[in-house]
Amino acid sequence: MFTGITRRAMGAAVLASVVALAVAASASAGKGTTPTSTISLASPATAAATTASWPKYGDTVRFNVSTTATSSPFVNLNCYQGGTLVAVGWAGYFDGALGTGDFGLYSPMWTAGAATCTASLEMHTSKGWKELATTSFDVTA
């Protein structure tokens, strides 16, 4: 037979357990899987382009992108020659985005020669742009 104190102690222990489970459940609520994002240079569209010489100055490139972080991902491409930024481009990679998602490997600042490019998969947030994934590649002359 339980005494009044023991019943109260058990009641308090049960209540504490219920509260602890509720706190744990609410802490884990909203915590889903971590978003995943990837970006890679897409294979050349023409069979004549070879991996040894592609991409080269003047070519057009596009990217394979995948993300669970947003339904409106963008790609930001920056190309450098000897540490100098020579080309910048942005493209939306989602249905309804303007443009084709293609990037020309040239600019008024980049009139010839090799370069190193980095493409960033990004999303816009209330705090600005957030980088999700990157890939880099060399452009031959």
N, C-alpha and C. Protein backbone atom coordinates (compact mmCIF):
# COMPACT_ATOMS: atom_id res chain seq x y z
N MET A 1 0.84 -1.17 0.00
CA MET A 1 0.00 0.00 0.00
C MET A 1 0.88 1.23 0.00
N PHE A 2 0.53 2.22 -0.88
CA PHE A 2 1.29 3.45 -0.98
C PHE A 2 0.77 4.46 0.03
N THR A 3 1.68 5.20 0.60
CA THR A 3 1.27 6.28 1.50
C THR A 3 1.08 7.54 0.69
N GLY A 4 0.48 8.55 1.30
CA GLY A 4 0.24 9.82 0.61
C GLY A 4 1.51 10.44 0.07
N ILE A 5 2.61 10.36 0.82
CA ILE A 5 3.88 10.95 0.39
C ILE A 5 4.42 10.19 -0.81
N THR A 6 4.33 8.89 -0.78
CA THR A 6 4.84 8.08 -1.87
C THR A 6 4.04 8.33 -3.13
N ARG A 7 2.73 8.44 -3.00
CA ARG A 7 1.90 8.72 -4.17
C ARG A 7 2.26 10.09 -4.75
N ARG A 8 2.44 11.07 -3.87
CA ARG A 8 2.83 12.40 -4.36
C ARG A 8 4.19 12.35 -5.04
N ALA A 9 5.11 11.63 -4.46
CA ALA A 9 6.44 11.51 -5.06
C ALA A 9 6.35 10.83 -6.41
N MET A 10 5.54 9.78 -6.50
CA MET A 10 5.37 9.09 -7.78
C MET A 10 4.68 10.01 -8.79
N GLY A 11 3.68 10.73 -8.33
CA GLY A 11 2.98 11.67 -9.22
C GLY A 11 3.93 12.73 -9.75
N ALA A 12 4.79 13.23 -8.86
CA ALA A 12 5.76 14.24 -9.27
C ALA A 12 6.75 13.64 -10.27
N ALA A 13 7.17 12.41 -10.04
CA ALA A 13 8.11 11.75 -10.95
C ALA A 13 7.47 11.53 -12.32
N VAL A 14 6.20 11.09 -12.32
CA VAL A 14 5.50 10.88 -13.59
C VAL A 14 5.33 12.22 -14.31
N LEU A 15 4.93 13.25 -13.57
CA LEU A 15 4.77 14.57 -14.17
C LEU A 15 6.10 15.06 -14.74
N ALA A 16 7.18 14.87 -14.01
CA ALA A 16 8.51 15.28 -14.50
C ALA A 16 8.88 14.53 -15.77
N SER A 17 8.55 13.26 -15.83
CA SER A 17 8.84 12.46 -17.02
C SER A 17 8.04 12.96 -18.22
N VAL A 18 6.76 13.25 -17.98
CA VAL A 18 5.91 13.75 -19.06
C VAL A 18 6.43 15.09 -19.56
N VAL A 19 6.81 15.98 -18.65
CA VAL A 19 7.35 17.28 -19.04
C VAL A 19 8.65 17.10 -19.82
N ALA A 20 9.52 16.21 -19.36
CA ALA A 20 10.79 15.97 -20.05
C ALA A 20 10.56 15.45 -21.47
N LEU A 21 9.60 14.53 -21.63
CA LEU A 21 9.30 14.02 -22.97
C LEU A 21 8.72 15.12 -23.85
N ALA A 22 7.87 15.95 -23.30
CA ALA A 22 7.29 17.05 -24.08
C ALA A 22 8.36 18.03 -24.52
N VAL A 23 9.28 18.37 -23.63
CA VAL A 23 10.37 19.28 -23.98
C VAL A 23 11.25 18.66 -25.06
N ALA A 24 11.57 17.38 -24.93
CA ALA A 24 12.41 16.71 -25.93
C ALA A 24 11.70 16.67 -27.28
N ALA A 25 10.40 16.40 -27.27
CA ALA A 25 9.64 16.34 -28.52
C ALA A 25 9.59 17.71 -29.18
N SER A 26 9.37 18.77 -28.40
CA SER A 26 9.30 20.10 -29.01
C SER A 26 10.67 20.56 -29.47
N ALA A 27 11.74 20.13 -28.80
CA ALA A 27 13.08 20.50 -29.23
C ALA A 27 13.42 19.84 -30.55
N SER A 28 12.93 18.62 -30.76
CA SER A 28 13.24 17.94 -32.01
C SER A 28 12.25 18.28 -33.11
N ALA A 29 11.12 18.89 -32.76
CA ALA A 29 10.15 19.29 -33.78
C ALA A 29 10.79 20.36 -34.66
N GLY A 30 10.57 20.25 -35.96
CA GLY A 30 11.14 21.22 -36.89
C GLY A 30 12.55 20.87 -37.31
N LYS A 31 13.16 19.92 -36.62
CA LYS A 31 14.49 19.48 -37.01
C LYS A 31 14.32 18.31 -37.96
N GLY A 32 14.44 18.59 -39.24
CA GLY A 32 14.34 17.53 -40.22
C GLY A 32 15.73 17.14 -40.64
N THR A 33 15.80 16.61 -41.82
CA THR A 33 17.11 16.25 -42.34
C THR A 33 17.84 17.52 -42.77
N THR A 34 19.14 17.48 -42.75
CA THR A 34 19.96 18.61 -43.18
C THR A 34 19.82 18.75 -44.69
N PRO A 35 19.57 19.97 -45.18
CA PRO A 35 19.47 20.17 -46.63
C PRO A 35 20.76 19.76 -47.34
N THR A 36 20.62 19.16 -48.51
CA THR A 36 21.79 18.78 -49.30
C THR A 36 21.78 19.56 -50.60
N SER A 37 22.97 19.92 -51.07
CA SER A 37 23.11 20.69 -52.29
C SER A 37 24.37 20.26 -53.02
N THR A 38 24.27 20.16 -54.34
CA THR A 38 25.43 19.85 -55.17
C THR A 38 25.40 20.70 -56.43
N ILE A 39 26.59 20.96 -56.96
CA ILE A 39 26.74 21.64 -58.25
C ILE A 39 27.93 21.03 -58.96
N SER A 40 27.79 20.80 -60.26
CA SER A 40 28.90 20.30 -61.06
C SER A 40 28.78 20.85 -62.47
N LEU A 41 29.90 20.93 -63.14
CA LEU A 41 29.94 21.38 -64.52
C LEU A 41 29.28 20.31 -65.38
N ALA A 42 28.30 20.70 -66.18
CA ALA A 42 27.61 19.75 -67.05
C ALA A 42 28.51 19.37 -68.21
N SER A 43 28.33 18.19 -68.73
CA SER A 43 29.12 17.73 -69.88
C SER A 43 28.82 18.61 -71.08
N PRO A 44 29.79 18.73 -71.98
CA PRO A 44 29.57 19.56 -73.17
C PRO A 44 28.40 19.04 -74.00
N ALA A 45 27.69 19.97 -74.60
CA ALA A 45 26.52 19.61 -75.40
C ALA A 45 26.91 18.97 -76.73
N THR A 46 28.10 19.32 -77.25
CA THR A 46 28.50 18.77 -78.54
C THR A 46 29.50 17.65 -78.36
N ALA A 47 29.38 16.64 -79.17
CA ALA A 47 30.30 15.50 -79.10
C ALA A 47 31.71 15.89 -79.50
N ALA A 48 31.86 16.99 -80.27
CA ALA A 48 33.18 17.41 -80.73
C ALA A 48 34.03 17.95 -79.58
N ALA A 49 33.40 18.43 -78.53
CA ALA A 49 34.16 18.96 -77.39
C ALA A 49 34.73 17.79 -76.60
N THR A 50 36.02 17.88 -76.31
CA THR A 50 36.65 16.81 -75.54
C THR A 50 36.98 17.31 -74.15
N THR A 51 37.07 16.39 -73.21
CA THR A 51 37.36 16.80 -71.84
C THR A 51 38.76 17.38 -71.71
N ALA A 52 39.68 17.03 -72.62
CA ALA A 52 41.05 17.55 -72.53
C ALA A 52 41.11 19.04 -72.87
N SER A 53 40.27 19.50 -73.77
CA SER A 53 40.33 20.90 -74.17
C SER A 53 39.08 21.68 -73.74
N TRP A 54 38.18 21.06 -73.06
CA TRP A 54 36.92 21.71 -72.68
C TRP A 54 36.86 21.88 -71.19
N PRO A 55 36.37 22.99 -70.72
CA PRO A 55 35.94 24.14 -71.50
C PRO A 55 37.12 25.03 -71.87
N LYS A 56 36.95 25.75 -72.94
CA LYS A 56 37.99 26.68 -73.38
C LYS A 56 37.39 28.06 -73.54
N TYR A 57 38.26 29.05 -73.63
CA TYR A 57 37.82 30.43 -73.80
C TYR A 57 36.81 30.51 -74.95
N GLY A 58 35.71 31.19 -74.74
CA GLY A 58 34.68 31.37 -75.77
C GLY A 58 33.57 30.34 -75.72
N ASP A 59 33.76 29.22 -75.01
CA ASP A 59 32.72 28.20 -74.89
C ASP A 59 31.57 28.69 -74.01
N THR A 60 30.50 27.96 -74.07
CA THR A 60 29.35 28.19 -73.19
C THR A 60 29.23 26.98 -72.28
N VAL A 61 29.01 27.24 -70.99
CA VAL A 61 28.86 26.14 -70.04
C VAL A 61 27.55 26.29 -69.27
N ARG A 62 27.12 25.18 -68.70
CA ARG A 62 25.99 25.17 -67.78
C ARG A 62 26.29 24.17 -66.69
N PHE A 63 25.43 24.08 -65.71
CA PHE A 63 25.72 23.29 -64.53
C PHE A 63 24.59 22.33 -64.19
N ASN A 64 24.97 21.22 -63.58
CA ASN A 64 24.02 20.30 -62.98
C ASN A 64 23.88 20.74 -61.53
N VAL A 65 22.67 21.05 -61.10
CA VAL A 65 22.47 21.49 -59.72
C VAL A 65 21.37 20.66 -59.07
N SER A 66 21.52 20.50 -57.77
CA SER A 66 20.52 19.80 -56.97
C SER A 66 20.56 20.38 -55.57
N THR A 67 19.38 20.68 -55.01
CA THR A 67 19.33 21.18 -53.65
C THR A 67 17.97 20.90 -53.03
N THR A 68 18.00 20.61 -51.75
CA THR A 68 16.76 20.48 -50.98
C THR A 68 16.57 21.71 -50.10
N ALA A 69 17.46 22.69 -50.22
CA ALA A 69 17.42 23.88 -49.37
C ALA A 69 16.44 24.94 -49.87
N THR A 70 16.18 24.96 -51.19
CA THR A 70 15.31 25.99 -51.75
C THR A 70 14.71 25.49 -53.06
N SER A 71 13.60 26.07 -53.43
CA SER A 71 13.00 25.74 -54.73
C SER A 71 13.43 26.76 -55.79
N SER A 72 14.23 27.75 -55.38
CA SER A 72 14.68 28.79 -56.31
C SER A 72 16.20 28.99 -56.22
N PRO A 73 16.99 28.00 -56.63
CA PRO A 73 18.44 28.15 -56.56
C PRO A 73 18.99 29.00 -57.70
N PHE A 74 20.09 29.67 -57.41
CA PHE A 74 20.81 30.47 -58.40
C PHE A 74 22.24 29.98 -58.48
N VAL A 75 22.87 30.18 -59.64
CA VAL A 75 24.29 29.91 -59.81
C VAL A 75 24.99 31.24 -60.05
N ASN A 76 26.08 31.45 -59.32
CA ASN A 76 26.93 32.64 -59.46
C ASN A 76 28.28 32.15 -59.97
N LEU A 77 28.68 32.61 -61.15
CA LEU A 77 29.96 32.20 -61.75
C LEU A 77 30.93 33.37 -61.73
N ASN A 78 32.14 33.12 -61.22
CA ASN A 78 33.23 34.10 -61.20
C ASN A 78 34.46 33.48 -61.83
N CYS A 79 35.07 34.19 -62.79
CA CYS A 79 36.28 33.69 -63.45
C CYS A 79 37.42 34.69 -63.27
N TYR A 80 38.61 34.14 -63.04
CA TYR A 80 39.79 34.96 -62.75
C TYR A 80 40.94 34.59 -63.68
N GLN A 81 41.71 35.61 -64.04
CA GLN A 81 42.99 35.43 -64.74
C GLN A 81 44.04 36.09 -63.87
N GLY A 82 44.96 35.28 -63.34
CA GLY A 82 46.03 35.82 -62.51
C GLY A 82 45.54 36.63 -61.33
N GLY A 83 44.45 36.23 -60.73
CA GLY A 83 43.92 36.93 -59.56
C GLY A 83 43.01 38.09 -59.88
N THR A 84 42.84 38.43 -61.16
CA THR A 84 41.96 39.52 -61.57
C THR A 84 40.62 38.94 -62.02
N LEU A 85 39.54 39.47 -61.45
CA LEU A 85 38.20 39.03 -61.84
C LEU A 85 37.91 39.51 -63.26
N VAL A 86 37.65 38.57 -64.17
CA VAL A 86 37.44 38.93 -65.56
C VAL A 86 36.03 38.61 -66.06
N ALA A 87 35.26 37.83 -65.30
CA ALA A 87 33.88 37.51 -65.71
C ALA A 87 33.05 37.17 -64.49
N VAL A 88 31.81 37.66 -64.50
CA VAL A 88 30.84 37.39 -63.45
C VAL A 88 29.49 37.13 -64.11
N GLY A 89 28.78 36.15 -63.60
CA GLY A 89 27.45 35.88 -64.13
C GLY A 89 26.55 35.26 -63.09
N TRP A 90 25.26 35.50 -63.22
CA TRP A 90 24.23 34.93 -62.35
C TRP A 90 23.16 34.29 -63.23
N ALA A 91 22.61 33.17 -62.79
CA ALA A 91 21.49 32.57 -63.49
C ALA A 91 20.62 31.81 -62.50
N GLY A 92 19.31 31.91 -62.69
CA GLY A 92 18.38 31.12 -61.90
C GLY A 92 18.29 29.72 -62.47
N TYR A 93 18.30 28.73 -61.63
CA TYR A 93 18.20 27.33 -62.06
C TYR A 93 16.92 26.72 -61.50
N PHE A 94 15.80 27.30 -61.90
CA PHE A 94 14.49 26.81 -61.46
C PHE A 94 13.46 27.18 -62.52
N ASP A 95 12.35 26.47 -62.54
CA ASP A 95 11.28 26.77 -63.48
C ASP A 95 10.80 28.20 -63.29
N GLY A 96 10.70 28.92 -64.38
CA GLY A 96 10.24 30.31 -64.31
C GLY A 96 11.37 31.32 -64.24
N ALA A 97 12.61 30.86 -64.05
CA ALA A 97 13.74 31.79 -64.01
C ALA A 97 13.97 32.36 -65.40
N LEU A 98 14.42 33.60 -65.45
CA LEU A 98 14.74 34.23 -66.73
C LEU A 98 16.05 33.66 -67.26
N GLY A 99 16.18 33.59 -68.55
CA GLY A 99 17.42 33.11 -69.17
C GLY A 99 17.44 31.61 -69.32
N THR A 100 18.59 31.13 -69.79
CA THR A 100 18.73 29.71 -70.10
C THR A 100 19.57 28.95 -69.09
N GLY A 101 20.30 29.64 -68.25
CA GLY A 101 21.23 28.98 -67.34
C GLY A 101 22.60 28.76 -67.95
N ASP A 102 22.79 29.24 -69.18
CA ASP A 102 24.09 29.12 -69.85
C ASP A 102 24.97 30.30 -69.49
N PHE A 103 26.28 30.05 -69.43
CA PHE A 103 27.27 31.08 -69.15
C PHE A 103 28.30 31.08 -70.27
N GLY A 104 28.55 32.24 -70.87
CA GLY A 104 29.60 32.37 -71.87
C GLY A 104 30.92 32.63 -71.17
N LEU A 105 31.94 31.92 -71.61
CA LEU A 105 33.27 32.07 -71.01
C LEU A 105 34.07 33.13 -71.76
N TYR A 106 33.64 34.38 -71.60
CA TYR A 106 34.26 35.55 -72.22
C TYR A 106 33.59 36.77 -71.60
N SER A 107 34.20 37.92 -71.78
CA SER A 107 33.62 39.19 -71.32
C SER A 107 34.45 40.32 -71.92
N PRO A 108 34.02 41.56 -71.76
CA PRO A 108 34.85 42.67 -72.23
C PRO A 108 36.22 42.71 -71.52
N MET A 109 36.27 42.23 -70.28
CA MET A 109 37.55 42.19 -69.54
C MET A 109 38.36 40.93 -69.88
N TRP A 110 37.70 39.93 -70.41
CA TRP A 110 38.34 38.64 -70.71
C TRP A 110 38.25 38.43 -72.21
N THR A 111 39.28 38.82 -72.90
CA THR A 111 39.25 38.78 -74.37
C THR A 111 40.04 37.62 -74.96
N ALA A 112 40.78 36.89 -74.12
CA ALA A 112 41.52 35.72 -74.58
C ALA A 112 42.18 35.06 -73.39
N GLY A 113 42.61 33.83 -73.60
CA GLY A 113 43.43 33.16 -72.60
C GLY A 113 42.68 32.30 -71.59
N ALA A 114 43.49 31.61 -70.82
CA ALA A 114 42.98 30.68 -69.82
C ALA A 114 42.50 31.45 -68.58
N ALA A 115 41.67 30.78 -67.80
CA ALA A 115 41.16 31.36 -66.56
C ALA A 115 40.76 30.23 -65.61
N THR A 116 40.58 30.59 -64.37
CA THR A 116 40.06 29.67 -63.36
C THR A 116 38.71 30.20 -62.91
N CYS A 117 37.70 29.32 -62.92
CA CYS A 117 36.34 29.75 -62.59
C CYS A 117 35.80 28.98 -61.39
N THR A 118 34.97 29.66 -60.62
CA THR A 118 34.27 29.03 -59.50
C THR A 118 32.79 29.33 -59.65
N ALA A 119 31.99 28.28 -59.60
CA ALA A 119 30.53 28.43 -59.65
C ALA A 119 29.98 28.09 -58.27
N SER A 120 29.14 28.97 -57.75
CA SER A 120 28.52 28.76 -56.45
C SER A 120 27.02 28.58 -56.62
N LEU A 121 26.49 27.54 -56.00
CA LEU A 121 25.05 27.35 -55.93
C LEU A 121 24.58 28.14 -54.72
N GLU A 122 23.63 29.06 -54.91
CA GLU A 122 23.24 29.96 -53.83
C GLU A 122 21.73 30.10 -53.74
N MET A 123 21.30 30.56 -52.58
CA MET A 123 19.90 30.89 -52.38
C MET A 123 19.81 32.24 -51.69
N HIS A 124 18.73 32.96 -51.97
CA HIS A 124 18.53 34.25 -51.32
C HIS A 124 17.72 34.05 -50.05
N THR A 125 18.18 34.65 -48.95
CA THR A 125 17.48 34.59 -47.67
C THR A 125 17.18 36.01 -47.21
N SER A 126 16.49 36.13 -46.12
CA SER A 126 16.18 37.46 -45.58
C SER A 126 17.45 38.18 -45.13
N LYS A 127 18.55 37.43 -44.97
CA LYS A 127 19.82 38.02 -44.54
C LYS A 127 20.81 38.17 -45.69
N GLY A 128 20.37 37.90 -46.91
CA GLY A 128 21.25 38.02 -48.07
C GLY A 128 21.45 36.67 -48.75
N TRP A 129 22.52 36.56 -49.52
CA TRP A 129 22.80 35.33 -50.26
C TRP A 129 23.50 34.32 -49.38
N LYS A 130 23.10 33.05 -49.53
CA LYS A 130 23.70 31.95 -48.77
C LYS A 130 24.26 30.94 -49.76
N GLU A 131 25.55 30.64 -49.61
CA GLU A 131 26.21 29.67 -50.47
C GLU A 131 25.85 28.26 -50.02
N LEU A 132 25.43 27.43 -50.97
CA LEU A 132 25.02 26.05 -50.67
C LEU A 132 26.08 25.03 -51.09
N ALA A 133 26.74 25.28 -52.20
CA ALA A 133 27.76 24.37 -52.73
C ALA A 133 28.59 25.11 -53.78
N THR A 134 29.82 24.62 -54.04
CA THR A 134 30.67 25.25 -55.05
C THR A 134 31.37 24.19 -55.88
N THR A 135 31.81 24.60 -57.05
CA THR A 135 32.67 23.79 -57.89
C THR A 135 33.60 24.73 -58.64
N SER A 136 34.82 24.29 -58.87
CA SER A 136 35.80 25.10 -59.61
C SER A 136 36.30 24.30 -60.82
N PHE A 137 36.70 25.05 -61.84
CA PHE A 137 37.23 24.39 -63.04
C PHE A 137 38.15 25.37 -63.76
N ASP A 138 39.04 24.80 -64.55
CA ASP A 138 39.97 25.61 -65.35
C ASP A 138 39.44 25.73 -66.77
N VAL A 139 39.61 26.89 -67.34
CA VAL A 139 39.24 27.17 -68.73
C VAL A 139 40.54 27.28 -69.51
N THR A 140 40.64 26.52 -70.60
CA THR A 140 41.87 26.57 -71.41
C THR A 140 41.79 27.73 -72.40
N ALA A 141 42.97 28.11 -72.90
CA ALA A 141 43.05 29.24 -73.85
C ALA A 141 42.49 28.88 -75.20
